Amino acid sequence: MDMQTASTRALPDVALNPHPHRSGPLDWVGMGRIQMPVRFDAGDGQVREGVARVDAFVNLTRNDKRGIHMSRLYLLVEQALSRDVITPVRLQALLQAFLASHEDLSDHARIRIEFEQLIRRPALRSANSGWRAYPVVIEAELKGEHFSYELATEVVYSSTCPASAALARQLIQDRFEQDFGSGQPLDRTALLAWLGSEQGIVATPHAQRSVAELKVRPVAGAAVSLLSLLDRCEHALATPVQTAVKREDEQAFAAANGGNLMFCEDAARRLRAALNEDGALADFRIRIEHQESLHPHDAVAYAFKGIVGGYDR
C-alpha cells in the first residue's frame, strides 16, 4: 500500500467505542494548562498581548462513549484566543462552540484562563511611572442556558500594625521623658534635631507586604473593568506597592502607611465597603493575607458580599 492510499483511509477513533469494562458519565473532561496567546483590555483601551495557561473542559454524558474530542476543544480555543480580545460575550460564544462540537456527548462546558496583565502605574509624587504585572484568572461556565463569568486578581500593598505603632509611640514618649525631663524648658531647635535622630525615634512599628485576593462575579450583562476594580481597591487600601520610587515617593509612601494603620480585619472591611459600592458586581470574595514580619505565620481575613447562594469561603 502506498502512502497516498494510506492517507485517504479513515483513521481509527477508539474514543467512539465503549470501554469493554467500564462505563458511566463524567463531570468534566478536557485539557489543563494549554499554552496560548491572550489579548486583553484591562479597561484603559489598550489591548495587550500575553501568554496564558488555559483549561478547557466539557462533561461526558454518554455511557456508551469512551471519551471526548479533545483536539476540537484545543482548536476552538486556539482560534478564539488568537483572534479575539477576551470578553464575556466572546467566552460565552466559545463555550457554545465547545458544546456544538460535542453535541452528542456534552451539555456543560467551562474554561479557565490565567495570565498576567501589565498596567502602568504613576509614582506617588515624582513624574515617574512603572509597570505592575497583575495576575488575572478568568473563569466561565455554560450549563444549558445559564452562563456564569468570574474574574479574579490581587492587590499587593503594605500594612503597618496598629498595635505595634501604639507600642512604638509609647517607647518614643519614654525616651522623650528621659532626654528632656519634666519641667525643663524645651529648646525648639534641640527638639527638632531630636525628632530627626535615631536617638529620638527609638522604635518603629512592624509593617509587611500584604495581599488582597479578589474574585468577582458581574451582574448579568454588566462589564467589569479590571483597571477600575484595581483602582477602587488600591484607593481603599491607600498603600499599594510602588514601581518607580524616588526619595519624595518613598516619603509619601511612609506617610500613607502612617496614616493607614491596619490589621487584616481593617483591610477586609475597607475592601468590602469599596466593592459594595460597585453596582456592576453581583457577588465578590475577598481574602486578605498579611505576611507577618513579627510572626512566622500570616494573618488572614475573609469578606464576602453576603448574598444567598453566593461566595462563602
C-alpha atoms as a PDB file:
ATOM      1  CA  MET A   1       0.000   0.000   0.000  1.00  0.00           C
ATOM      2  CA  ASP A   2       1.497   3.365  -0.993  1.00  0.00           C
ATOM      3  CA  MET A   3       1.481   6.427   1.288  1.00  0.00           C
ATOM      4  CA  GLN A   4      -1.152   8.241  -0.770  1.00  0.00           C
ATOM      5  CA  THR A   5      -3.629   5.378  -0.378  1.00  0.00           C
ATOM      6  CA  ALA A   6      -2.930   5.161   3.355  1.00  0.00           C
ATOM      7  CA  SER A   7      -3.560   8.888   3.833  1.00  0.00           C
ATOM      8  CA  THR A   8      -7.061   8.642   2.319  1.00  0.00           C
ATOM      9  CA  ARG A   9      -8.217   5.869   4.613  1.00  0.00           C
ATOM     10  CA  ALA A  10     -10.384   6.693   7.621  1.00  0.00           C
ATOM     11  CA  LEU A  11      -8.256   6.812  10.761  1.00  0.00           C
ATOM     12  CA  PRO A  12      -9.461   4.809  13.749  1.00  0.00           C
ATOM     13  CA  ASP A  13     -11.016   6.672  16.704  1.00  0.00           C
ATOM     14  CA  VAL A  14     -11.188   4.398  19.729  1.00  0.00           C
ATOM     15  CA  ALA A  15     -12.780   7.152  21.821  1.00  0.00           C
ATOM     16  CA  LEU A  16     -16.046   6.485  19.975  1.00  0.00           C
ATOM     17  CA  ASN A  17     -16.163   2.935  21.250  1.00  0.00           C
ATOM     18  CA  PRO A  18     -17.331   1.989  24.747  1.00  0.00           C
ATOM     19  CA  HIS A  19     -14.749   0.753  27.229  1.00  0.00           C
ATOM     20  CA  PRO A  20     -15.061  -3.029  27.498  1.00  0.00           C
ATOM     21  CA  HIS A  21     -15.137  -2.972  31.299  1.00  0.00           C
ATOM     22  CA  ARG A  22     -16.137   0.492  32.490  1.00  0.00           C
ATOM     23  CA  SER A  23     -18.878   2.960  31.585  1.00  0.00           C
ATOM     24  CA  GLY A  24     -20.680   5.930  33.054  1.00  0.00           C
ATOM     25  CA  PRO A  25     -20.890   9.718  32.648  1.00  0.00           C
ATOM     26  CA  LEU A  26     -18.086  12.030  33.749  1.00  0.00           C
ATOM     27  CA  ASP A  27     -18.431  15.507  35.249  1.00  0.00           C
ATOM     28  CA  TRP A  28     -15.560  17.158  33.392  1.00  0.00           C
ATOM     29  CA  VAL A  29     -13.087  16.012  30.751  1.00  0.00           C
ATOM     30  CA  GLY A  30     -10.632  18.155  28.837  1.00  0.00           C
ATOM     31  CA  MET A  31      -7.175  19.716  28.951  1.00  0.00           C
ATOM     32  CA  GLY A  32      -5.326  21.716  31.575  1.00  0.00           C
ATOM     33  CA  ARG A  33      -2.682  24.441  31.219  1.00  0.00           C
ATOM     34  CA  ILE A  34      -2.837  24.764  27.453  1.00  0.00           C
ATOM     35  CA  GLN A  35      -0.259  27.344  26.361  1.00  0.00           C
ATOM     36  CA  MET A  36      -1.981  30.091  24.390  1.00  0.00           C
ATOM     37  CA  PRO A  37      -1.582  33.747  23.432  1.00  0.00           C
ATOM     38  CA  VAL A  38      -4.105  36.062  25.019  1.00  0.00           C
ATOM     39  CA  ARG A  39      -5.330  39.556  24.140  1.00  0.00           C
ATOM     40  CA  PHE A  40      -6.970  41.582  26.891  1.00  0.00           C
ATOM     41  CA  ASP A  41      -8.067  45.149  27.525  1.00  0.00           C
ATOM     42  CA  ALA A  42      -7.796  45.986  31.238  1.00  0.00           C
ATOM     43  CA  GLY A  43     -10.146  48.923  30.752  1.00  0.00           C
ATOM     44  CA  ASP A  44      -7.799  51.627  29.527  1.00  0.00           C
ATOM     45  CA  GLY A  45      -8.453  50.948  25.841  1.00  0.00           C
ATOM     46  CA  GLN A  46      -5.012  49.371  25.390  1.00  0.00           C
ATOM     47  CA  VAL A  47      -5.154  45.771  24.175  1.00  0.00           C
ATOM     48  CA  ARG A  48      -2.083  43.954  25.467  1.00  0.00           C
ATOM     49  CA  GLU A  49      -0.886  40.541  24.422  1.00  0.00           C
ATOM     50  CA  GLY A  50       0.465  37.954  26.815  1.00  0.00           C
ATOM     51  CA  VAL A  51       0.915  34.259  27.438  1.00  0.00           C
ATOM     52  CA  ALA A  52      -1.911  32.360  29.091  1.00  0.00           C
ATOM     53  CA  ARG A  53      -2.478  28.937  30.601  1.00  0.00           C
ATOM     54  CA  VAL A  54      -5.911  27.687  29.623  1.00  0.00           C
ATOM     55  CA  ASP A  55      -8.086  24.883  30.992  1.00  0.00           C
ATOM     56  CA  ALA A  56     -10.855  23.728  28.632  1.00  0.00           C
ATOM     57  CA  PHE A  57     -13.498  21.183  29.663  1.00  0.00           C
ATOM     58  CA  VAL A  58     -16.828  19.642  28.764  1.00  0.00           C
ATOM     59  CA  ASN A  59     -18.750  16.945  30.563  1.00  0.00           C
ATOM     60  CA  LEU A  60     -19.320  13.457  29.137  1.00  0.00           C
ATOM     61  CA  THR A  61     -22.956  12.404  29.320  1.00  0.00           C
ATOM     62  CA  ARG A  62     -22.908   9.215  27.262  1.00  0.00           C
ATOM     63  CA  ASN A  63     -22.406   5.873  28.966  1.00  0.00           C
ATOM     64  CA  ASP A  64     -21.590   4.221  25.652  1.00  0.00           C
ATOM     65  CA  LYS A  65     -18.775   6.609  24.672  1.00  0.00           C
ATOM     66  CA  ARG A  66     -15.259   6.274  25.993  1.00  0.00           C
ATOM     67  CA  GLY A  67     -14.046   9.856  25.627  1.00  0.00           C
ATOM     68  CA  ILE A  68     -14.440  13.323  24.138  1.00  0.00           C
ATOM     69  CA  HIS A  69     -12.792  15.050  21.170  1.00  0.00           C
ATOM     70  CA  MET A  70     -10.001  16.950  22.913  1.00  0.00           C
ATOM     71  CA  SER A  71      -8.457  18.197  19.676  1.00  0.00           C
ATOM     72  CA  ARG A  72     -11.713  20.010  18.881  1.00  0.00           C
ATOM     73  CA  LEU A  73     -11.509  21.922  22.161  1.00  0.00           C
ATOM     74  CA  TYR A  74      -7.883  22.826  21.527  1.00  0.00           C
ATOM     75  CA  LEU A  75      -8.545  24.139  18.031  1.00  0.00           C
ATOM     76  CA  LEU A  76     -11.546  26.183  19.164  1.00  0.00           C
ATOM     77  CA  VAL A  77      -9.510  27.749  21.979  1.00  0.00           C
ATOM     78  CA  GLU A  78      -6.620  28.483  19.626  1.00  0.00           C
ATOM     79  CA  GLN A  79      -8.867  30.117  17.055  1.00  0.00           C
ATOM     80  CA  ALA A  80     -10.752  32.242  19.592  1.00  0.00           C
ATOM     81  CA  LEU A  81      -7.873  33.455  21.741  1.00  0.00           C
ATOM     82  CA  SER A  82      -5.525  34.103  18.830  1.00  0.00           C
ATOM     83  CA  ARG A  83      -8.115  36.240  17.053  1.00  0.00           C
ATOM     84  CA  ASP A  84     -10.296  37.944  19.641  1.00  0.00           C
ATOM     85  CA  VAL A  85      -9.891  40.143  22.715  1.00  0.00           C
ATOM     86  CA  ILE A  86     -11.287  38.329  25.748  1.00  0.00           C
ATOM     87  CA  THR A  87     -14.787  39.484  26.739  1.00  0.00           C
ATOM     88  CA  PRO A  88     -17.658  37.689  28.492  1.00  0.00           C
ATOM     89  CA  VAL A  89     -19.672  37.677  25.258  1.00  0.00           C
ATOM     90  CA  ARG A  90     -16.861  36.029  23.297  1.00  0.00           C
ATOM     91  CA  LEU A  91     -16.229  33.472  26.019  1.00  0.00           C
ATOM     92  CA  GLN A  92     -19.906  32.535  26.011  1.00  0.00           C
ATOM     93  CA  ALA A  93     -19.710  32.059  22.236  1.00  0.00           C
ATOM     94  CA  LEU A  94     -16.596  29.908  22.684  1.00  0.00           C
ATOM     95  CA  LEU A  95     -18.321  27.664  25.225  1.00  0.00           C
ATOM     96  CA  GLN A  96     -21.301  27.325  22.898  1.00  0.00           C
ATOM     97  CA  ALA A  97     -18.831  26.210  20.230  1.00  0.00           C
ATOM     98  CA  PHE A  98     -17.421  23.633  22.684  1.00  0.00           C
ATOM     99  CA  LEU A  99     -20.889  22.140  23.061  1.00  0.00           C
ATOM    100  CA  ALA A 100     -21.699  22.343  19.346  1.00  0.00           C
ATOM    101  CA  SER A 101     -18.549  20.314  18.665  1.00  0.00           C
ATOM    102  CA  HIS A 102     -19.731  17.724  21.226  1.00  0.00           C
ATOM    103  CA  GLU A 103     -23.485  17.907  20.667  1.00  0.00           C
ATOM    104  CA  ASP A 104     -23.937  14.168  21.107  1.00  0.00           C
ATOM    105  CA  LEU A 105     -21.644  13.927  24.135  1.00  0.00           C
ATOM    106  CA  SER A 106     -21.848  17.034  26.334  1.00  0.00           C
ATOM    107  CA  ASP A 107     -24.210  19.664  27.714  1.00  0.00           C
ATOM    108  CA  HIS A 108     -21.875  21.572  30.073  1.00  0.00           C
ATOM    109  CA  ALA A 109     -18.700  23.493  29.212  1.00  0.00           C
ATOM    110  CA  ARG A 110     -16.189  25.604  31.078  1.00  0.00           C
ATOM    111  CA  ILE A 111     -12.911  27.442  30.551  1.00  0.00           C
ATOM    112  CA  ARG A 112     -10.275  28.942  32.817  1.00  0.00           C
ATOM    113  CA  ILE A 113      -7.709  31.454  31.538  1.00  0.00           C
ATOM    114  CA  GLU A 114      -4.758  32.508  33.688  1.00  0.00           C
ATOM    115  CA  PHE A 115      -2.296  35.232  32.699  1.00  0.00           C
ATOM    116  CA  GLU A 116      -0.607  38.444  33.865  1.00  0.00           C
ATOM    117  CA  GLN A 117      -1.687  41.904  32.742  1.00  0.00           C
ATOM    118  CA  LEU A 118       0.843  44.727  32.638  1.00  0.00           C
ATOM    119  CA  ILE A 119      -0.522  48.092  33.795  1.00  0.00           C
ATOM    120  CA  ARG A 120       1.484  51.293  34.062  1.00  0.00           C
ATOM    121  CA  ARG A 121       1.257  52.965  37.461  1.00  0.00           C
ATOM    122  CA  PRO A 122       2.336  56.559  38.274  1.00  0.00           C
ATOM    123  CA  ALA A 123       4.680  57.350  41.144  1.00  0.00           C
ATOM    124  CA  LEU A 124       3.197  58.956  44.268  1.00  0.00           C
ATOM    125  CA  ARG A 125       4.960  62.330  43.939  1.00  0.00           C
ATOM    126  CA  SER A 126       7.584  62.350  41.199  1.00  0.00           C
ATOM    127  CA  ALA A 127       6.824  62.472  37.468  1.00  0.00           C
ATOM    128  CA  ASN A 128       7.918  58.846  37.021  1.00  0.00           C
ATOM    129  CA  SER A 129       5.876  55.734  36.388  1.00  0.00           C
ATOM    130  CA  GLY A 130       6.467  51.995  36.080  1.00  0.00           C
ATOM    131  CA  TRP A 131       4.843  48.695  35.221  1.00  0.00           C
ATOM    132  CA  ARG A 132       2.933  46.372  37.537  1.00  0.00           C
ATOM    133  CA  ALA A 133       2.084  42.833  36.459  1.00  0.00           C
ATOM    134  CA  TYR A 134      -1.285  41.908  37.943  1.00  0.00           C
ATOM    135  CA  PRO A 135      -2.304  38.237  37.940  1.00  0.00           C
ATOM    136  CA  VAL A 136      -5.643  37.605  36.236  1.00  0.00           C
ATOM    137  CA  VAL A 137      -7.802  34.494  36.265  1.00  0.00           C
ATOM    138  CA  ILE A 138     -10.971  34.414  34.172  1.00  0.00           C
ATOM    139  CA  GLU A 139     -13.400  31.535  34.526  1.00  0.00           C
ATOM    140  CA  ALA A 140     -16.550  30.995  32.508  1.00  0.00           C
ATOM    141  CA  GLU A 141     -19.088  28.160  32.526  1.00  0.00           C
ATOM    142  CA  LEU A 142     -22.108  27.286  30.413  1.00  0.00           C
ATOM    143  CA  LYS A 143     -24.786  24.885  31.680  1.00  0.00           C
ATOM    144  CA  GLY A 144     -27.847  24.840  29.479  1.00  0.00           C
ATOM    145  CA  GLU A 145     -28.848  28.472  29.079  1.00  0.00           C
ATOM    146  CA  HIS A 146     -27.038  29.583  32.233  1.00  0.00           C
ATOM    147  CA  PHE A 147     -23.747  31.364  31.615  1.00  0.00           C
ATOM    148  CA  SER A 148     -21.508  32.420  34.506  1.00  0.00           C
ATOM    149  CA  TYR A 149     -18.370  34.555  34.422  1.00  0.00           C
ATOM    150  CA  GLU A 150     -15.811  35.312  37.135  1.00  0.00           C
ATOM    151  CA  LEU A 151     -12.720  37.486  37.232  1.00  0.00           C
ATOM    152  CA  ALA A 152     -10.011  37.146  39.877  1.00  0.00           C
ATOM    153  CA  THR A 153      -6.955  39.287  40.561  1.00  0.00           C
ATOM    154  CA  GLU A 154      -4.938  40.540  43.520  1.00  0.00           C
ATOM    155  CA  VAL A 155      -3.658  43.773  45.012  1.00  0.00           C
ATOM    156  CA  VAL A 156      -0.307  43.849  46.804  1.00  0.00           C
ATOM    157  CA  TYR A 157       0.022  46.535  49.470  1.00  0.00           C
ATOM    158  CA  SER A 158       1.819  47.476  52.682  1.00  0.00           C
ATOM    159  CA  SER A 159       0.171  47.071  56.087  1.00  0.00           C
ATOM    160  CA  THR A 160       1.514  48.671  59.259  1.00  0.00           C
ATOM    161  CA  CYS A 161       0.320  47.126  62.518  1.00  0.00           C
ATOM    162  CA  PRO A 162      -1.750  49.493  64.732  1.00  0.00           C
ATOM    163  CA  ALA A 163      -0.795  47.650  67.924  1.00  0.00           C
ATOM    164  CA  SER A 164       2.889  47.802  67.076  1.00  0.00           C
ATOM    165  CA  ALA A 165       2.551  51.507  66.225  1.00  0.00           C
ATOM    166  CA  ALA A 166       0.999  52.228  69.639  1.00  0.00           C
ATOM    167  CA  LEU A 167       3.808  50.366  71.407  1.00  0.00           C
ATOM    168  CA  ALA A 168       6.425  52.252  69.371  1.00  0.00           C
ATOM    169  CA  ARG A 169       4.837  55.592  70.264  1.00  0.00           C
ATOM    170  CA  GLN A 170       4.959  54.695  73.956  1.00  0.00           C
ATOM    171  CA  LEU A 171       8.693  53.953  73.742  1.00  0.00           C
ATOM    172  CA  ILE A 172       9.261  57.284  71.981  1.00  0.00           C
ATOM    173  CA  GLN A 173       7.367  59.031  74.771  1.00  0.00           C
ATOM    174  CA  ASP A 174       9.512  57.261  77.374  1.00  0.00           C
ATOM    175  CA  ARG A 175      12.710  58.280  75.605  1.00  0.00           C
ATOM    176  CA  PHE A 176      11.472  61.870  75.384  1.00  0.00           C
ATOM    177  CA  GLU A 177      10.975  61.917  79.141  1.00  0.00           C
ATOM    178  CA  GLN A 178      14.481  60.552  79.643  1.00  0.00           C
ATOM    179  CA  ASP A 179      16.160  63.016  77.294  1.00  0.00           C
ATOM    180  CA  PHE A 180      14.249  66.189  78.151  1.00  0.00           C
ATOM    181  CA  GLY A 181      12.845  65.534  81.624  1.00  0.00           C
ATOM    182  CA  SER A 182       9.729  67.056  83.120  1.00  0.00           C
ATOM    183  CA  GLY A 183       9.708  70.729  83.928  1.00  0.00           C
ATOM    184  CA  GLN A 184      12.661  71.599  81.693  1.00  0.00           C
ATOM    185  CA  PRO A 185      12.205  74.429  79.203  1.00  0.00           C
ATOM    186  CA  LEU A 186      12.110  72.990  75.685  1.00  0.00           C
ATOM    187  CA  ASP A 187      14.508  74.291  73.104  1.00  0.00           C
ATOM    188  CA  ARG A 188      12.760  74.148  69.711  1.00  0.00           C
ATOM    189  CA  THR A 189      15.983  73.622  67.743  1.00  0.00           C
ATOM    190  CA  ALA A 190      17.126  70.813  70.030  1.00  0.00           C
ATOM    191  CA  LEU A 191      13.695  69.205  69.919  1.00  0.00           C
ATOM    192  CA  LEU A 192      13.585  69.239  66.111  1.00  0.00           C
ATOM    193  CA  ALA A 193      17.061  67.699  65.975  1.00  0.00           C
ATOM    194  CA  TRP A 194      15.959  65.031  68.453  1.00  0.00           C
ATOM    195  CA  LEU A 195      12.881  64.185  66.397  1.00  0.00           C
ATOM    196  CA  GLY A 196      15.070  63.742  63.319  1.00  0.00           C
ATOM    197  CA  SER A 197      17.552  61.438  65.061  1.00  0.00           C
ATOM    198  CA  GLU A 198      17.702  57.715  65.656  1.00  0.00           C
ATOM    199  CA  GLN A 199      18.091  58.533  69.347  1.00  0.00           C
ATOM    200  CA  GLY A 200      14.673  60.142  69.369  1.00  0.00           C
ATOM    201  CA  ILE A 201      12.760  57.697  67.187  1.00  0.00           C
ATOM    202  CA  VAL A 202      13.808  54.636  69.168  1.00  0.00           C
ATOM    203  CA  ALA A 203      11.117  52.275  67.822  1.00  0.00           C
ATOM    204  CA  THR A 204       9.186  51.769  64.611  1.00  0.00           C
ATOM    205  CA  PRO A 205       6.087  49.608  64.078  1.00  0.00           C
ATOM    206  CA  HIS A 206       6.341  46.446  62.057  1.00  0.00           C
ATOM    207  CA  ALA A 207       4.943  46.520  58.549  1.00  0.00           C
ATOM    208  CA  GLN A 208       4.689  43.826  55.920  1.00  0.00           C
ATOM    209  CA  ARG A 209       3.885  43.183  52.301  1.00  0.00           C
ATOM    210  CA  SER A 210       0.258  42.113  52.158  1.00  0.00           C
ATOM    211  CA  VAL A 211      -2.015  40.611  49.530  1.00  0.00           C
ATOM    212  CA  ALA A 212      -5.702  41.089  48.837  1.00  0.00           C
ATOM    213  CA  GLU A 213      -7.052  38.302  46.637  1.00  0.00           C
ATOM    214  CA  LEU A 214     -10.218  39.350  44.815  1.00  0.00           C
ATOM    215  CA  LYS A 215     -12.795  37.320  42.932  1.00  0.00           C
ATOM    216  CA  VAL A 216     -15.868  38.996  41.443  1.00  0.00           C
ATOM    217  CA  ARG A 217     -18.986  37.999  39.532  1.00  0.00           C
ATOM    218  CA  PRO A 218     -20.537  40.781  37.454  1.00  0.00           C
ATOM    219  CA  VAL A 219     -24.234  41.433  37.213  1.00  0.00           C
ATOM    220  CA  ALA A 220     -25.623  39.744  34.088  1.00  0.00           C
ATOM    221  CA  GLY A 221     -24.766  41.875  31.087  1.00  0.00           C
ATOM    222  CA  ALA A 222     -22.521  44.248  33.058  1.00  0.00           C
ATOM    223  CA  ALA A 223     -18.936  44.886  32.043  1.00  0.00           C
ATOM    224  CA  VAL A 224     -16.278  44.687  34.767  1.00  0.00           C
ATOM    225  CA  SER A 225     -13.120  46.684  34.111  1.00  0.00           C
ATOM    226  CA  LEU A 226     -10.008  45.169  35.658  1.00  0.00           C
ATOM    227  CA  LEU A 227      -8.452  48.617  35.906  1.00  0.00           C
ATOM    228  CA  SER A 228     -11.489  50.117  37.654  1.00  0.00           C
ATOM    229  CA  LEU A 229     -11.560  47.204  40.092  1.00  0.00           C
ATOM    230  CA  LEU A 230      -7.861  47.624  40.899  1.00  0.00           C
ATOM    231  CA  ASP A 231      -8.158  51.405  41.237  1.00  0.00           C
ATOM    232  CA  ARG A 232     -11.123  51.070  43.591  1.00  0.00           C
ATOM    233  CA  CYS A 233      -9.327  48.570  45.812  1.00  0.00           C
ATOM    234  CA  GLU A 234      -5.947  50.307  45.830  1.00  0.00           C
ATOM    235  CA  HIS A 235      -7.630  53.600  46.710  1.00  0.00           C
ATOM    236  CA  ALA A 236      -9.488  51.922  49.590  1.00  0.00           C
ATOM    237  CA  LEU A 237      -6.300  50.395  50.992  1.00  0.00           C
ATOM    238  CA  ALA A 238      -4.235  53.545  50.288  1.00  0.00           C
ATOM    239  CA  THR A 239      -0.857  51.759  50.464  1.00  0.00           C
ATOM    240  CA  PRO A 240      -0.394  49.728  47.245  1.00  0.00           C
ATOM    241  CA  VAL A 241       3.192  48.778  46.436  1.00  0.00           C
ATOM    242  CA  GLN A 242       5.025  51.157  44.134  1.00  0.00           C
ATOM    243  CA  THR A 243       7.080  50.837  40.954  1.00  0.00           C
ATOM    244  CA  ALA A 244       9.406  53.772  40.188  1.00  0.00           C
ATOM    245  CA  VAL A 245      10.405  55.342  43.520  1.00  0.00           C
ATOM    246  CA  LYS A 246      12.465  58.474  44.187  1.00  0.00           C
ATOM    247  CA  ARG A 247      13.036  59.849  47.701  1.00  0.00           C
ATOM    248  CA  GLU A 248       9.932  62.038  47.551  1.00  0.00           C
ATOM    249  CA  ASP A 249       7.855  58.994  46.547  1.00  0.00           C
ATOM    250  CA  GLU A 250       9.261  56.917  49.397  1.00  0.00           C
ATOM    251  CA  GLN A 251       8.466  59.678  51.853  1.00  0.00           C
ATOM    252  CA  ALA A 252       4.903  59.871  50.548  1.00  0.00           C
ATOM    253  CA  PHE A 253       4.638  56.094  50.908  1.00  0.00           C
ATOM    254  CA  ALA A 254       5.832  56.332  54.528  1.00  0.00           C
ATOM    255  CA  ALA A 255       3.177  58.971  55.180  1.00  0.00           C
ATOM    256  CA  ALA A 256       0.486  56.763  53.584  1.00  0.00           C
ATOM    257  CA  ASN A 257       1.491  53.872  55.843  1.00  0.00           C
ATOM    258  CA  GLY A 258       1.471  56.082  58.925  1.00  0.00           C
ATOM    259  CA  GLY A 259      -1.968  57.410  58.058  1.00  0.00           C
ATOM    260  CA  ASN A 260      -3.440  53.978  57.281  1.00  0.00           C
ATOM    261  CA  LEU A 261      -2.527  51.636  60.123  1.00  0.00           C
ATOM    262  CA  MET A 262      -4.480  48.418  59.673  1.00  0.00           C
ATOM    263  CA  PHE A 263      -4.986  44.898  60.872  1.00  0.00           C
ATOM    264  CA  CYS A 264      -6.078  42.302  58.326  1.00  0.00           C
ATOM    265  CA  GLU A 265      -9.633  42.792  59.633  1.00  0.00           C
ATOM    266  CA  ASP A 266      -9.445  46.502  58.809  1.00  0.00           C
ATOM    267  CA  ALA A 267      -8.253  45.795  55.266  1.00  0.00           C
ATOM    268  CA  ALA A 268     -11.053  43.269  54.689  1.00  0.00           C
ATOM    269  CA  ARG A 269     -13.685  45.742  55.861  1.00  0.00           C
ATOM    270  CA  ARG A 270     -12.258  48.534  53.721  1.00  0.00           C
ATOM    271  CA  LEU A 271     -12.415  46.396  50.609  1.00  0.00           C
ATOM    272  CA  ARG A 272     -15.878  45.048  51.363  1.00  0.00           C
ATOM    273  CA  ALA A 273     -17.197  48.602  51.699  1.00  0.00           C
ATOM    274  CA  ALA A 274     -15.478  49.627  48.461  1.00  0.00           C
ATOM    275  CA  LEU A 275     -16.809  46.685  46.445  1.00  0.00           C
ATOM    276  CA  ASN A 276     -20.315  47.070  47.871  1.00  0.00           C
ATOM    277  CA  GLU A 277     -20.370  50.495  46.193  1.00  0.00           C
ATOM    278  CA  ASP A 278     -19.839  48.920  42.758  1.00  0.00           C
ATOM    279  CA  GLY A 279     -23.269  48.250  41.276  1.00  0.00           C
ATOM    280  CA  ALA A 280     -21.772  46.137  38.480  1.00  0.00           C
ATOM    281  CA  LEU A 281     -20.802  43.367  40.924  1.00  0.00           C
ATOM    282  CA  ALA A 282     -23.356  40.682  41.715  1.00  0.00           C
ATOM    283  CA  ASP A 283     -21.020  38.955  44.164  1.00  0.00           C
ATOM    284  CA  PHE A 284     -17.453  39.090  45.418  1.00  0.00           C
ATOM    285  CA  ARG A 285     -14.959  37.230  47.559  1.00  0.00           C
ATOM    286  CA  ILE A 286     -12.080  38.909  49.400  1.00  0.00           C
ATOM    287  CA  ARG A 287      -9.157  37.112  51.025  1.00  0.00           C
ATOM    288  CA  ILE A 288      -6.661  39.218  52.958  1.00  0.00           C
ATOM    289  CA  GLU A 289      -3.205  37.908  53.833  1.00  0.00           C
ATOM    290  CA  HIS A 290      -0.772  39.948  55.919  1.00  0.00           C
ATOM    291  CA  GLN A 291       2.569  38.200  55.585  1.00  0.00           C
ATOM    292  CA  GLU A 292       3.766  38.994  59.071  1.00  0.00           C
ATOM    293  CA  SER A 293       7.230  40.342  59.812  1.00  0.00           C
ATOM    294  CA  LEU A 294       6.653  39.726  63.543  1.00  0.00           C
ATOM    295  CA  HIS A 295       5.492  36.109  63.233  1.00  0.00           C
ATOM    296  CA  PRO A 296       6.484  33.165  61.032  1.00  0.00           C
ATOM    297  CA  HIS A 297       2.809  32.784  60.109  1.00  0.00           C
ATOM    298  CA  ASP A 298       0.322  35.020  58.285  1.00  0.00           C
ATOM    299  CA  ALA A 299      -2.719  36.956  59.486  1.00  0.00           C
ATOM    300  CA  VAL A 300      -5.736  36.164  57.283  1.00  0.00           C
ATOM    301  CA  ALA A 301      -9.276  37.515  56.935  1.00  0.00           C
ATOM    302  CA  TYR A 302     -12.132  36.847  54.506  1.00  0.00           C
ATOM    303  CA  ALA A 303     -15.071  39.011  53.488  1.00  0.00           C
ATOM    304  CA  PHE A 304     -17.970  38.344  51.106  1.00  0.00           C
ATOM    305  CA  LYS A 305     -20.864  40.305  49.679  1.00  0.00           C
ATOM    306  CA  GLY A 306     -23.171  38.018  51.624  1.00  0.00           C
ATOM    307  CA  ILE A 307     -25.846  37.134  49.070  1.00  0.00           C
ATOM    308  CA  VAL A 308     -27.880  33.935  49.294  1.00  0.00           C
ATOM    309  CA  GLY A 309     -26.073  31.187  47.389  1.00  0.00           C
ATOM    310  CA  GLY A 310     -23.022  33.378  46.883  1.00  0.00           C
ATOM    311  CA  TYR A 311     -19.410  33.064  47.928  1.00  0.00           C
ATOM    312  CA  ASP A 312     -18.976  31.895  51.486  1.00  0.00           C
ATOM    313  CA  ARG A 313     -15.431  30.550  51.795  1.00  0.00           C
END
